[in-house]
Amino acid sequence: MKHENKDDSDPRYKVANREALFGVGLVIFNFIWWYAFAYGLGSKDPSEYTYVFGLPAWFFYSCVLGFVVMAVLVTIVVKKWFVEVPFDEEGDGK
């Protein structure tokens, strides 16, 4: 059986590229969120920190709340915009 080279016309590549861009966007958003809260609120003198649930506010907002926000965003993106694609080659007949 002769193996054919697939080109970019395979619709699975478009789906994979789109989903990869969603993933990169989420990573960039996560980094910006983390950096803004960690260094924005955490750059004060420790004696000036405010606390949320016993944690420094910078840590709570950057790590704890950031995790929750990202978990919700990833769930929404996967459920709304990700689609299942077959892994087998089209027309393989198997």
PDB file of N, CA and C in Angstrom:
ATOM      1  N   MET A   1       0.841  -1.175   0.000  1.00  0.00           N
ATOM      2  CA  MET A   1       0.000   0.000   0.000  1.00  0.00           C
ATOM      3  C   MET A   1       0.887   1.240   0.000  1.00  0.00           C
ATOM      4  N   LYS A   2       0.613   2.127  -0.876  1.00  0.00           N
ATOM      5  CA  LYS A   2       1.411   3.325  -1.035  1.00  0.00           C
ATOM      6  C   LYS A   2       0.930   4.402  -0.059  1.00  0.00           C
ATOM      7  N   HIS A   3       1.875   5.027   0.639  1.00  0.00           N
ATOM      8  CA  HIS A   3       1.528   6.094   1.587  1.00  0.00           C
ATOM      9  C   HIS A   3       1.542   7.434   0.859  1.00  0.00           C
ATOM     10  N   GLU A   4       0.436   8.146   0.949  1.00  0.00           N
ATOM     11  CA  GLU A   4       0.339   9.453   0.308  1.00  0.00           C
ATOM     12  C   GLU A   4       0.713  10.543   1.296  1.00  0.00           C
ATOM     13  N   ASN A   5       1.398  11.560   0.810  1.00  0.00           N
ATOM     14  CA  ASN A   5       1.699  12.718   1.654  1.00  0.00           C
ATOM     15  C   ASN A   5       0.477  13.608   1.730  1.00  0.00           C
ATOM     16  N   LYS A   6       0.117  13.967   2.944  1.00  0.00           N
ATOM     17  CA  LYS A   6      -1.025  14.859   3.126  1.00  0.00           C
ATOM     18  C   LYS A   6      -0.523  16.301   3.095  1.00  0.00           C
ATOM     19  N   ASP A   7      -1.265  17.171   2.449  1.00  0.00           N
ATOM     20  CA  ASP A   7      -0.895  18.577   2.440  1.00  0.00           C
ATOM     21  C   ASP A   7      -1.815  19.348   3.379  1.00  0.00           C
ATOM     22  N   ASP A   8      -1.682  20.643   3.378  1.00  0.00           N
ATOM     23  CA  ASP A   8      -2.449  21.487   4.293  1.00  0.00           C
ATOM     24  C   ASP A   8      -3.934  21.550   3.958  1.00  0.00           C
ATOM     25  N   SER A   9      -4.369  20.871   2.908  1.00  0.00           N
ATOM     26  CA  SER A   9      -5.797  20.902   2.580  1.00  0.00           C
ATOM     27  C   SER A   9      -6.601  19.981   3.497  1.00  0.00           C
ATOM     28  N   ASP A  10      -5.938  19.152   4.274  1.00  0.00           N
ATOM     29  CA  ASP A  10      -6.621  18.286   5.234  1.00  0.00           C
ATOM     30  C   ASP A  10      -7.288  19.169   6.279  1.00  0.00           C
ATOM     31  N   PRO A  11      -8.611  19.076   6.436  1.00  0.00           N
ATOM     32  CA  PRO A  11      -9.310  19.967   7.376  1.00  0.00           C
ATOM     33  C   PRO A  11      -8.886  19.774   8.835  1.00  0.00           C
ATOM     34  N   ARG A  12      -8.286  18.624   9.143  1.00  0.00           N
ATOM     35  CA  ARG A  12      -7.827  18.405  10.513  1.00  0.00           C
ATOM     36  C   ARG A  12      -6.719  19.376  10.896  1.00  0.00           C
ATOM     37  N   TYR A  13      -5.912  19.789   9.920  1.00  0.00           N
ATOM     38  CA  TYR A  13      -4.855  20.758  10.207  1.00  0.00           C
ATOM     39  C   TYR A  13      -5.435  22.108  10.607  1.00  0.00           C
ATOM     40  N   LYS A  14      -6.502  22.521   9.925  1.00  0.00           N
ATOM     41  CA  LYS A  14      -7.152  23.785  10.279  1.00  0.00           C
ATOM     42  C   LYS A  14      -7.698  23.732  11.699  1.00  0.00           C
ATOM     43  N   VAL A  15      -8.344  22.619  12.045  1.00  0.00           N
ATOM     44  CA  VAL A  15      -8.904  22.455  13.391  1.00  0.00           C
ATOM     45  C   VAL A  15      -7.789  22.469  14.417  1.00  0.00           C
ATOM     46  N   ALA A  16      -6.722  21.717  14.148  1.00  0.00           N
ATOM     47  CA  ALA A  16      -5.599  21.644  15.093  1.00  0.00           C
ATOM     48  C   ALA A  16      -4.933  23.010  15.266  1.00  0.00           C
ATOM     49  N   ASN A  17      -4.750  23.733  14.184  1.00  0.00           N
ATOM     50  CA  ASN A  17      -4.128  25.058  14.277  1.00  0.00           C
ATOM     51  C   ASN A  17      -5.001  26.036  15.054  1.00  0.00           C
ATOM     52  N   ARG A  18      -6.305  25.992  14.797  1.00  0.00           N
ATOM     53  CA  ARG A  18      -7.218  26.879  15.510  1.00  0.00           C
ATOM     54  C   ARG A  18      -7.207  26.570  17.000  1.00  0.00           C
ATOM     55  N   GLU A  19      -7.250  25.294  17.347  1.00  0.00           N
ATOM     56  CA  GLU A  19      -7.257  24.910  18.752  1.00  0.00           C
ATOM     57  C   GLU A  19      -5.922  25.225  19.418  1.00  0.00           C
ATOM     58  N   ALA A  20      -4.835  25.104  18.683  1.00  0.00           N
ATOM     59  CA  ALA A  20      -3.523  25.471  19.227  1.00  0.00           C
ATOM     60  C   ALA A  20      -3.467  26.968  19.514  1.00  0.00           C
ATOM     61  N   LEU A  21      -4.054  27.775  18.641  1.00  0.00           N
ATOM     62  CA  LEU A  21      -4.082  29.221  18.872  1.00  0.00           C
ATOM     63  C   LEU A  21      -4.913  29.562  20.104  1.00  0.00           C
ATOM     64  N   PHE A  22      -6.020  28.852  20.309  1.00  0.00           N
ATOM     65  CA  PHE A  22      -6.791  29.040  21.542  1.00  0.00           C
ATOM     66  C   PHE A  22      -5.926  28.730  22.756  1.00  0.00           C
ATOM     67  N   GLY A  23      -5.181  27.637  22.680  1.00  0.00           N
ATOM     68  CA  GLY A  23      -4.307  27.252  23.790  1.00  0.00           C
ATOM     69  C   GLY A  23      -3.236  28.281  24.069  1.00  0.00           C
ATOM     70  N   VAL A  24      -2.606  28.790  23.032  1.00  0.00           N
ATOM     71  CA  VAL A  24      -1.575  29.822  23.196  1.00  0.00           C
ATOM     72  C   VAL A  24      -2.197  31.087  23.782  1.00  0.00           C
ATOM     73  N   GLY A  25      -3.375  31.447  23.312  1.00  0.00           N
ATOM     74  CA  GLY A  25      -4.063  32.620  23.863  1.00  0.00           C
ATOM     75  C   GLY A  25      -4.355  32.473  25.344  1.00  0.00           C
ATOM     76  N   LEU A  26      -4.794  31.282  25.744  1.00  0.00           N
ATOM     77  CA  LEU A  26      -5.067  31.037  27.160  1.00  0.00           C
ATOM     78  C   LEU A  26      -3.790  31.098  27.991  1.00  0.00           C
ATOM     79  N   VAL A  27      -2.703  30.572  27.472  1.00  0.00           N
ATOM     80  CA  VAL A  27      -1.422  30.628  28.196  1.00  0.00           C
ATOM     81  C   VAL A  27      -0.965  32.066  28.361  1.00  0.00           C
ATOM     82  N   ILE A  28      -1.077  32.856  27.312  1.00  0.00           N
ATOM     83  CA  ILE A  28      -0.673  34.267  27.390  1.00  0.00           C
ATOM     84  C   ILE A  28      -1.552  35.013  28.391  1.00  0.00           C
ATOM     85  N   PHE A  29      -2.869  34.766  28.343  1.00  0.00           N
ATOM     86  CA  PHE A  29      -3.775  35.392  29.310  1.00  0.00           C
ATOM     87  C   PHE A  29      -3.407  34.983  30.736  1.00  0.00           C
ATOM     88  N   ASN A  30      -3.118  33.699  30.944  1.00  0.00           N
ATOM     89  CA  ASN A  30      -2.752  33.210  32.268  1.00  0.00           C
ATOM     90  C   ASN A  30      -1.480  33.890  32.768  1.00  0.00           C
ATOM     91  N   PHE A  31      -0.484  34.030  31.911  1.00  0.00           N
ATOM     92  CA  PHE A  31       0.764  34.673  32.317  1.00  0.00           C
ATOM     93  C   PHE A  31       0.544  36.136  32.667  1.00  0.00           C
ATOM     94  N   ILE A  32      -0.232  36.830  31.846  1.00  0.00           N
ATOM     95  CA  ILE A  32      -0.505  38.250  32.124  1.00  0.00           C
ATOM     96  C   ILE A  32      -1.257  38.393  33.451  1.00  0.00           C
ATOM     97  N   TRP A  33      -2.267  37.548  33.676  1.00  0.00           N
ATOM     98  CA  TRP A  33      -3.026  37.561  34.930  1.00  0.00           C
ATOM     99  C   TRP A  33      -2.087  37.354  36.111  1.00  0.00           C
ATOM    100  N   TRP A  34      -1.287  36.293  36.027  1.00  0.00           N
ATOM    101  CA  TRP A  34      -0.379  35.950  37.120  1.00  0.00           C
ATOM    102  C   TRP A  34       0.619  37.081  37.370  1.00  0.00           C
ATOM    103  N   TYR A  35       1.251  37.565  36.328  1.00  0.00           N
ATOM    104  CA  TYR A  35       2.269  38.600  36.453  1.00  0.00           C
ATOM    105  C   TYR A  35       1.682  39.888  37.029  1.00  0.00           C
ATOM    106  N   ALA A  36       0.524  40.284  36.531  1.00  0.00           N
ATOM    107  CA  ALA A  36      -0.090  41.539  36.982  1.00  0.00           C
ATOM    108  C   ALA A  36      -0.406  41.495  38.474  1.00  0.00           C
ATOM    109  N   PHE A  37      -0.995  40.407  38.939  1.00  0.00           N
ATOM    110  CA  PHE A  37      -1.328  40.325  40.361  1.00  0.00           C
ATOM    111  C   PHE A  37      -0.102  40.035  41.222  1.00  0.00           C
ATOM    112  N   ALA A  38       0.766  39.138  40.781  1.00  0.00           N
ATOM    113  CA  ALA A  38       1.921  38.774  41.606  1.00  0.00           C
ATOM    114  C   ALA A  38       2.875  39.950  41.774  1.00  0.00           C
ATOM    115  N   TYR A  39       3.185  40.632  40.700  1.00  0.00           N
ATOM    116  CA  TYR A  39       4.130  41.740  40.794  1.00  0.00           C
ATOM    117  C   TYR A  39       3.442  43.069  41.059  1.00  0.00           C
ATOM    118  N   GLY A  40       2.174  43.186  40.675  1.00  0.00           N
ATOM    119  CA  GLY A  40       1.449  44.422  40.948  1.00  0.00           C
ATOM    120  C   GLY A  40       1.142  44.588  42.426  1.00  0.00           C
ATOM    121  N   LEU A  41       0.612  43.541  43.032  1.00  0.00           N
ATOM    122  CA  LEU A  41       0.277  43.607  44.453  1.00  0.00           C
ATOM    123  C   LEU A  41       1.436  43.148  45.333  1.00  0.00           C
ATOM    124  N   GLY A  42       2.317  42.311  44.794  1.00  0.00           N
ATOM    125  CA  GLY A  42       3.386  41.739  45.601  1.00  0.00           C
ATOM    126  C   GLY A  42       4.639  42.573  45.675  1.00  0.00           C
ATOM    127  N   SER A  43       4.673  43.695  44.996  1.00  0.00           N
ATOM    128  CA  SER A  43       5.892  44.510  44.994  1.00  0.00           C
ATOM    129  C   SER A  43       5.946  45.487  46.166  1.00  0.00           C
ATOM    130  N   LYS A  44       4.916  45.471  47.004  1.00  0.00           N
ATOM    131  CA  LYS A  44       4.904  46.341  48.183  1.00  0.00           C
ATOM    132  C   LYS A  44       5.820  45.772  49.258  1.00  0.00           C
ATOM    133  N   ASP A  45       6.016  46.557  50.260  1.00  0.00           N
ATOM    134  CA  ASP A  45       6.701  46.078  51.449  1.00  0.00           C
ATOM    135  C   ASP A  45       5.789  45.045  52.122  1.00  0.00           C
ATOM    136  N   PRO A  46       6.316  43.919  52.573  1.00  0.00           N
ATOM    137  CA  PRO A  46       5.453  42.885  53.177  1.00  0.00           C
ATOM    138  C   PRO A  46       4.614  43.371  54.360  1.00  0.00           C
ATOM    139  N   SER A  47       5.054  44.408  55.034  1.00  0.00           N
ATOM    140  CA  SER A  47       4.256  44.920  56.156  1.00  0.00           C
ATOM    141  C   SER A  47       2.986  45.617  55.676  1.00  0.00           C
ATOM    142  N   GLU A  48       2.906  45.950  54.388  1.00  0.00           N
ATOM    143  CA  GLU A  48       1.742  46.626  53.816  1.00  0.00           C
ATOM    144  C   GLU A  48       0.787  45.660  53.107  1.00  0.00           C
ATOM    145  N   TYR A  49       1.091  44.378  53.102  1.00  0.00           N
ATOM    146  CA  TYR A  49       0.244  43.405  52.413  1.00  0.00           C
ATOM    147  C   TYR A  49      -1.143  43.345  53.036  1.00  0.00           C
ATOM    148  N   THR A  50      -2.119  43.097  52.187  1.00  0.00           N
ATOM    149  CA  THR A  50      -3.457  42.752  52.657  1.00  0.00           C
ATOM    150  C   THR A  50      -3.624  41.249  52.465  1.00  0.00           C
ATOM    151  N   TYR A  51      -4.560  40.671  53.200  1.00  0.00           N
ATOM    152  CA  TYR A  51      -4.700  39.215  53.184  1.00  0.00           C
ATOM    153  C   TYR A  51      -6.114  38.808  52.812  1.00  0.00           C
ATOM    154  N   VAL A  52      -6.205  37.708  52.080  1.00  0.00           N
ATOM    155  CA  VAL A  52      -7.475  37.109  51.694  1.00  0.00           C
ATOM    156  C   VAL A  52      -7.412  35.649  52.117  1.00  0.00           C
ATOM    157  N   PHE A  53      -8.326  35.248  53.000  1.00  0.00           N
ATOM    158  CA  PHE A  53      -8.338  33.881  53.530  1.00  0.00           C
ATOM    159  C   PHE A  53      -6.978  33.487  54.120  1.00  0.00           C
ATOM    160  N   GLY A  54      -6.300  34.420  54.752  1.00  0.00           N
ATOM    161  CA  GLY A  54      -5.027  34.148  55.390  1.00  0.00           C
ATOM    162  C   GLY A  54      -3.830  34.141  54.457  1.00  0.00           C
ATOM    163  N   LEU A  55      -4.050  34.365  53.174  1.00  0.00           N
ATOM    164  CA  LEU A  55      -2.969  34.396  52.194  1.00  0.00           C
ATOM    165  C   LEU A  55      -2.723  35.832  51.764  1.00  0.00           C
ATOM    166  N   PRO A  56      -1.491  36.189  51.454  1.00  0.00           N
ATOM    167  CA  PRO A  56      -1.266  37.527  50.897  1.00  0.00           C
ATOM    168  C   PRO A  56      -2.132  37.726  49.657  1.00  0.00           C
ATOM    169  N   ALA A  57      -2.701  38.914  49.516  1.00  0.00           N
ATOM    170  CA  ALA A  57      -3.626  39.177  48.405  1.00  0.00           C
ATOM    171  C   ALA A  57      -2.978  38.890  47.051  1.00  0.00           C
ATOM    172  N   TRP A  58      -1.701  39.249  46.896  1.00  0.00           N
ATOM    173  CA  TRP A  58      -1.044  39.009  45.606  1.00  0.00           C
ATOM    174  C   TRP A  58      -1.022  37.520  45.283  1.00  0.00           C
ATOM    175  N   PHE A  59      -0.777  36.687  46.288  1.00  0.00           N
ATOM    176  CA  PHE A  59      -0.732  35.242  46.061  1.00  0.00           C
ATOM    177  C   PHE A  59      -2.134  34.697  45.796  1.00  0.00           C
ATOM    178  N   PHE A  60      -3.097  35.137  46.581  1.00  0.00           N
ATOM    179  CA  PHE A  60      -4.468  34.658  46.398  1.00  0.00           C
ATOM    180  C   PHE A  60      -4.973  34.972  44.995  1.00  0.00           C
ATOM    181  N   TYR A  61      -4.818  36.239  44.557  1.00  0.00           N
ATOM    182  CA  TYR A  61      -5.353  36.623  43.250  1.00  0.00           C
ATOM    183  C   TYR A  61      -4.555  36.039  42.094  1.00  0.00           C
ATOM    184  N   SER A  62      -3.242  35.947  42.229  1.00  0.00           N
ATOM    185  CA  SER A  62      -2.437  35.449  41.116  1.00  0.00           C
ATOM    186  C   SER A  62      -2.482  33.934  41.009  1.00  0.00           C
ATOM    187  N   CYS A  63      -2.416  33.237  42.128  1.00  0.00           N
ATOM    188  CA  CYS A  63      -2.316  31.773  42.079  1.00  0.00           C
ATOM    189  C   CYS A  63      -3.634  31.056  42.344  1.00  0.00           C
ATOM    190  N   VAL A  64      -4.329  31.403  43.405  1.00  0.00           N
ATOM    191  CA  VAL A  64      -5.552  30.682  43.758  1.00  0.00           C
ATOM    192  C   VAL A  64      -6.695  31.084  42.818  1.00  0.00           C
ATOM    193  N   LEU A  65      -7.024  32.359  42.786  1.00  0.00           N
ATOM    194  CA  LEU A  65      -8.104  32.813  41.911  1.00  0.00           C
ATOM    195  C   LEU A  65      -7.719  32.633  40.438  1.00  0.00           C
ATOM    196  N   GLY A  66      -6.449  32.840  40.117  1.00  0.00           N
ATOM    197  CA  GLY A  66      -5.983  32.635  38.749  1.00  0.00           C
ATOM    198  C   GLY A  66      -6.209  31.215  38.279  1.00  0.00           C
ATOM    199  N   PHE A  67      -5.968  30.246  39.164  1.00  0.00           N
ATOM    200  CA  PHE A  67      -6.208  28.842  38.827  1.00  0.00           C
ATOM    201  C   PHE A  67      -7.688  28.598  38.553  1.00  0.00           C
ATOM    202  N   VAL A  68      -8.539  29.140  39.405  1.00  0.00           N
ATOM    203  CA  VAL A  68      -9.985  28.949  39.235  1.00  0.00           C
ATOM    204  C   VAL A  68     -10.448  29.582  37.923  1.00  0.00           C
ATOM    205  N   VAL A  69     -10.007  30.809  37.656  1.00  0.00           N
ATOM    206  CA  VAL A  69     -10.392  31.497  36.417  1.00  0.00           C
ATOM    207  C   VAL A  69      -9.920  30.702  35.206  1.00  0.00           C
ATOM    208  N   MET A  70      -8.690  30.217  35.237  1.00  0.00           N
ATOM    209  CA  MET A  70      -8.170  29.460  34.098  1.00  0.00           C
ATOM    210  C   MET A  70      -8.903  28.135  33.920  1.00  0.00           C
ATOM    211  N   ALA A  71      -9.230  27.470  35.016  1.00  0.00           N
ATOM    212  CA  ALA A  71      -9.967  26.208  34.911  1.00  0.00           C
ATOM    213  C   ALA A  71     -11.326  26.439  34.254  1.00  0.00           C
ATOM    214  N   VAL A  72     -11.995  27.513  34.636  1.00  0.00           N
ATOM    215  CA  VAL A  72     -13.297  27.838  34.048  1.00  0.00           C
ATOM    216  C   VAL A  72     -13.129  28.208  32.564  1.00  0.00           C
ATOM    217  N   LEU A  73     -12.138  29.043  32.252  1.00  0.00           N
ATOM    218  CA  LEU A  73     -11.922  29.441  30.856  1.00  0.00           C
ATOM    219  C   LEU A  73     -11.573  28.254  29.970  1.00  0.00           C
ATOM    220  N   VAL A  74     -10.700  27.380  30.436  1.00  0.00           N
ATOM    221  CA  VAL A  74     -10.328  26.210  29.646  1.00  0.00           C
ATOM    222  C   VAL A  74     -11.544  25.313  29.420  1.00  0.00           C
ATOM    223  N   THR A  75     -12.353  25.124  30.450  1.00  0.00           N
ATOM    224  CA  THR A  75     -13.557  24.305  30.312  1.00  0.00           C
ATOM    225  C   THR A  75     -14.503  24.905  29.282  1.00  0.00           C
ATOM    226  N   ILE A  76     -14.714  26.211  29.351  1.00  0.00           N
ATOM    227  CA  ILE A  76     -15.605  26.873  28.387  1.00  0.00           C
ATOM    228  C   ILE A  76     -15.063  26.751  26.974  1.00  0.00           C
ATOM    229  N   VAL A  77     -13.777  27.032  26.799  1.00  0.00           N
ATOM    230  CA  VAL A  77     -13.178  26.973  25.458  1.00  0.00           C
ATOM    231  C   VAL A  77     -13.268  25.561  24.889  1.00  0.00           C
ATOM    232  N   VAL A  78     -12.948  24.560  25.690  1.00  0.00           N
ATOM    233  CA  VAL A  78     -12.985  23.182  25.198  1.00  0.00           C
ATOM    234  C   VAL A  78     -14.408  22.761  24.846  1.00  0.00           C
ATOM    235  N   LYS A  79     -15.368  23.094  25.685  1.00  0.00           N
ATOM    236  CA  LYS A  79     -16.750  22.680  25.418  1.00  0.00           C
ATOM    237  C   LYS A  79     -17.376  23.444  24.251  1.00  0.00           C
ATOM    238  N   LYS A  80     -17.001  24.703  24.090  1.00  0.00           N
ATOM    239  CA  LYS A  80     -17.657  25.534  23.086  1.00  0.00           C
ATOM    240  C   LYS A  80     -16.962  25.496  21.718  1.00  0.00           C
ATOM    241  N   TRP A  81     -15.624  25.507  21.697  1.00  0.00           N
ATOM    242  CA  TRP A  81     -14.927  25.670  20.425  1.00  0.00           C
ATOM    243  C   TRP A  81     -14.077  24.493  19.977  1.00  0.00           C
ATOM    244  N   PHE A  82     -13.768  23.553  20.856  1.00  0.00           N
ATOM    245  CA  PHE A  82     -12.977  22.402  20.429  1.00  0.00           C
ATOM    246  C   PHE A  82     -13.910  21.347  19.848  1.00  0.00           C
ATOM    247  N   VAL A  83     -13.456  20.659  18.823  1.00  0.00           N
ATOM    248  CA  VAL A  83     -14.257  19.620  18.185  1.00  0.00           C
ATOM    249  C   VAL A  83     -13.440  18.332  18.097  1.00  0.00           C
ATOM    250  N   GLU A  84     -14.157  17.212  18.041  1.00  0.00           N
ATOM    251  CA  GLU A  84     -13.479  15.933  17.857  1.00  0.00           C
ATOM    252  C   GLU A  84     -13.114  15.777  16.391  1.00  0.00           C
ATOM    253  N   VAL A  85     -11.907  15.287  16.159  1.00  0.00           N
ATOM    254  CA  VAL A  85     -11.485  14.991  14.795  1.00  0.00           C
ATOM    255  C   VAL A  85     -11.013  13.541  14.759  1.00  0.00           C
ATOM    256  N   PRO A  86     -11.280  12.844  13.667  1.00  0.00           N
ATOM    257  CA  PRO A  86     -10.809  11.459  13.565  1.00  0.00           C
ATOM    258  C   PRO A  86      -9.294  11.426  13.369  1.00  0.00           C
ATOM    259  N   PHE A  87      -8.652  10.440  13.975  1.00  0.00           N
ATOM    260  CA  PHE A  87      -7.208  10.297  13.827  1.00  0.00           C
ATOM    261  C   PHE A  87      -6.829   9.447  12.627  1.00  0.00           C
ATOM    262  N   ASP A  88      -7.767   8.647  12.140  1.00  0.00           N
ATOM    263  CA  ASP A  88      -7.440   7.815  11.001  1.00  0.00           C
ATOM    264  C   ASP A  88      -7.471   8.642   9.718  1.00  0.00           C
ATOM    265  N   GLU A  89      -6.732   8.170   8.724  1.00  0.00           N
ATOM    266  CA  GLU A  89      -6.670   8.906   7.460  1.00  0.00           C
ATOM    267  C   GLU A  89      -7.991   8.743   6.720  1.00  0.00           C
ATOM    268  N   GLU A  90      -8.378   9.791   6.024  1.00  0.00           N
ATOM    269  CA  GLU A  90      -9.607   9.741   5.252  1.00  0.00           C
ATOM    270  C   GLU A  90      -9.478   8.743   4.112  1.00  0.00           C
ATOM    271  N   GLY A  91     -10.533   7.983   3.900  1.00  0.00           N
ATOM    272  CA  GLY A  91     -10.523   7.030   2.797  1.00  0.00           C
ATOM    273  C   GLY A  91      -9.650   5.824   3.050  1.00  0.00           C
ATOM    274  N   ASP A  92      -9.251   5.599   4.291  1.00  0.00           N
ATOM    275  CA  ASP A  92      -8.376   4.463   4.618  1.00  0.00           C
ATOM    276  C   ASP A  92      -9.138   3.154   4.492  1.00  0.00           C
ATOM    277  N   GLY A  93     -10.440   3.184   4.739  1.00  0.00           N
ATOM    278  CA  GLY A  93     -11.255   1.998   4.615  1.00  0.00           C
ATOM    279  C   GLY A  93     -11.162   1.033   5.765  1.00  0.00           C
ATOM    280  N   LYS A  94     -10.496   1.391   6.822  1.00  0.00           N
ATOM    281  CA  LYS A  94     -10.348   0.512   7.999  1.00  0.00           C
ATOM    282  C   LYS A  94     -11.286   0.901   9.081  1.00  0.00           C
TER     283      LYS A  94
END
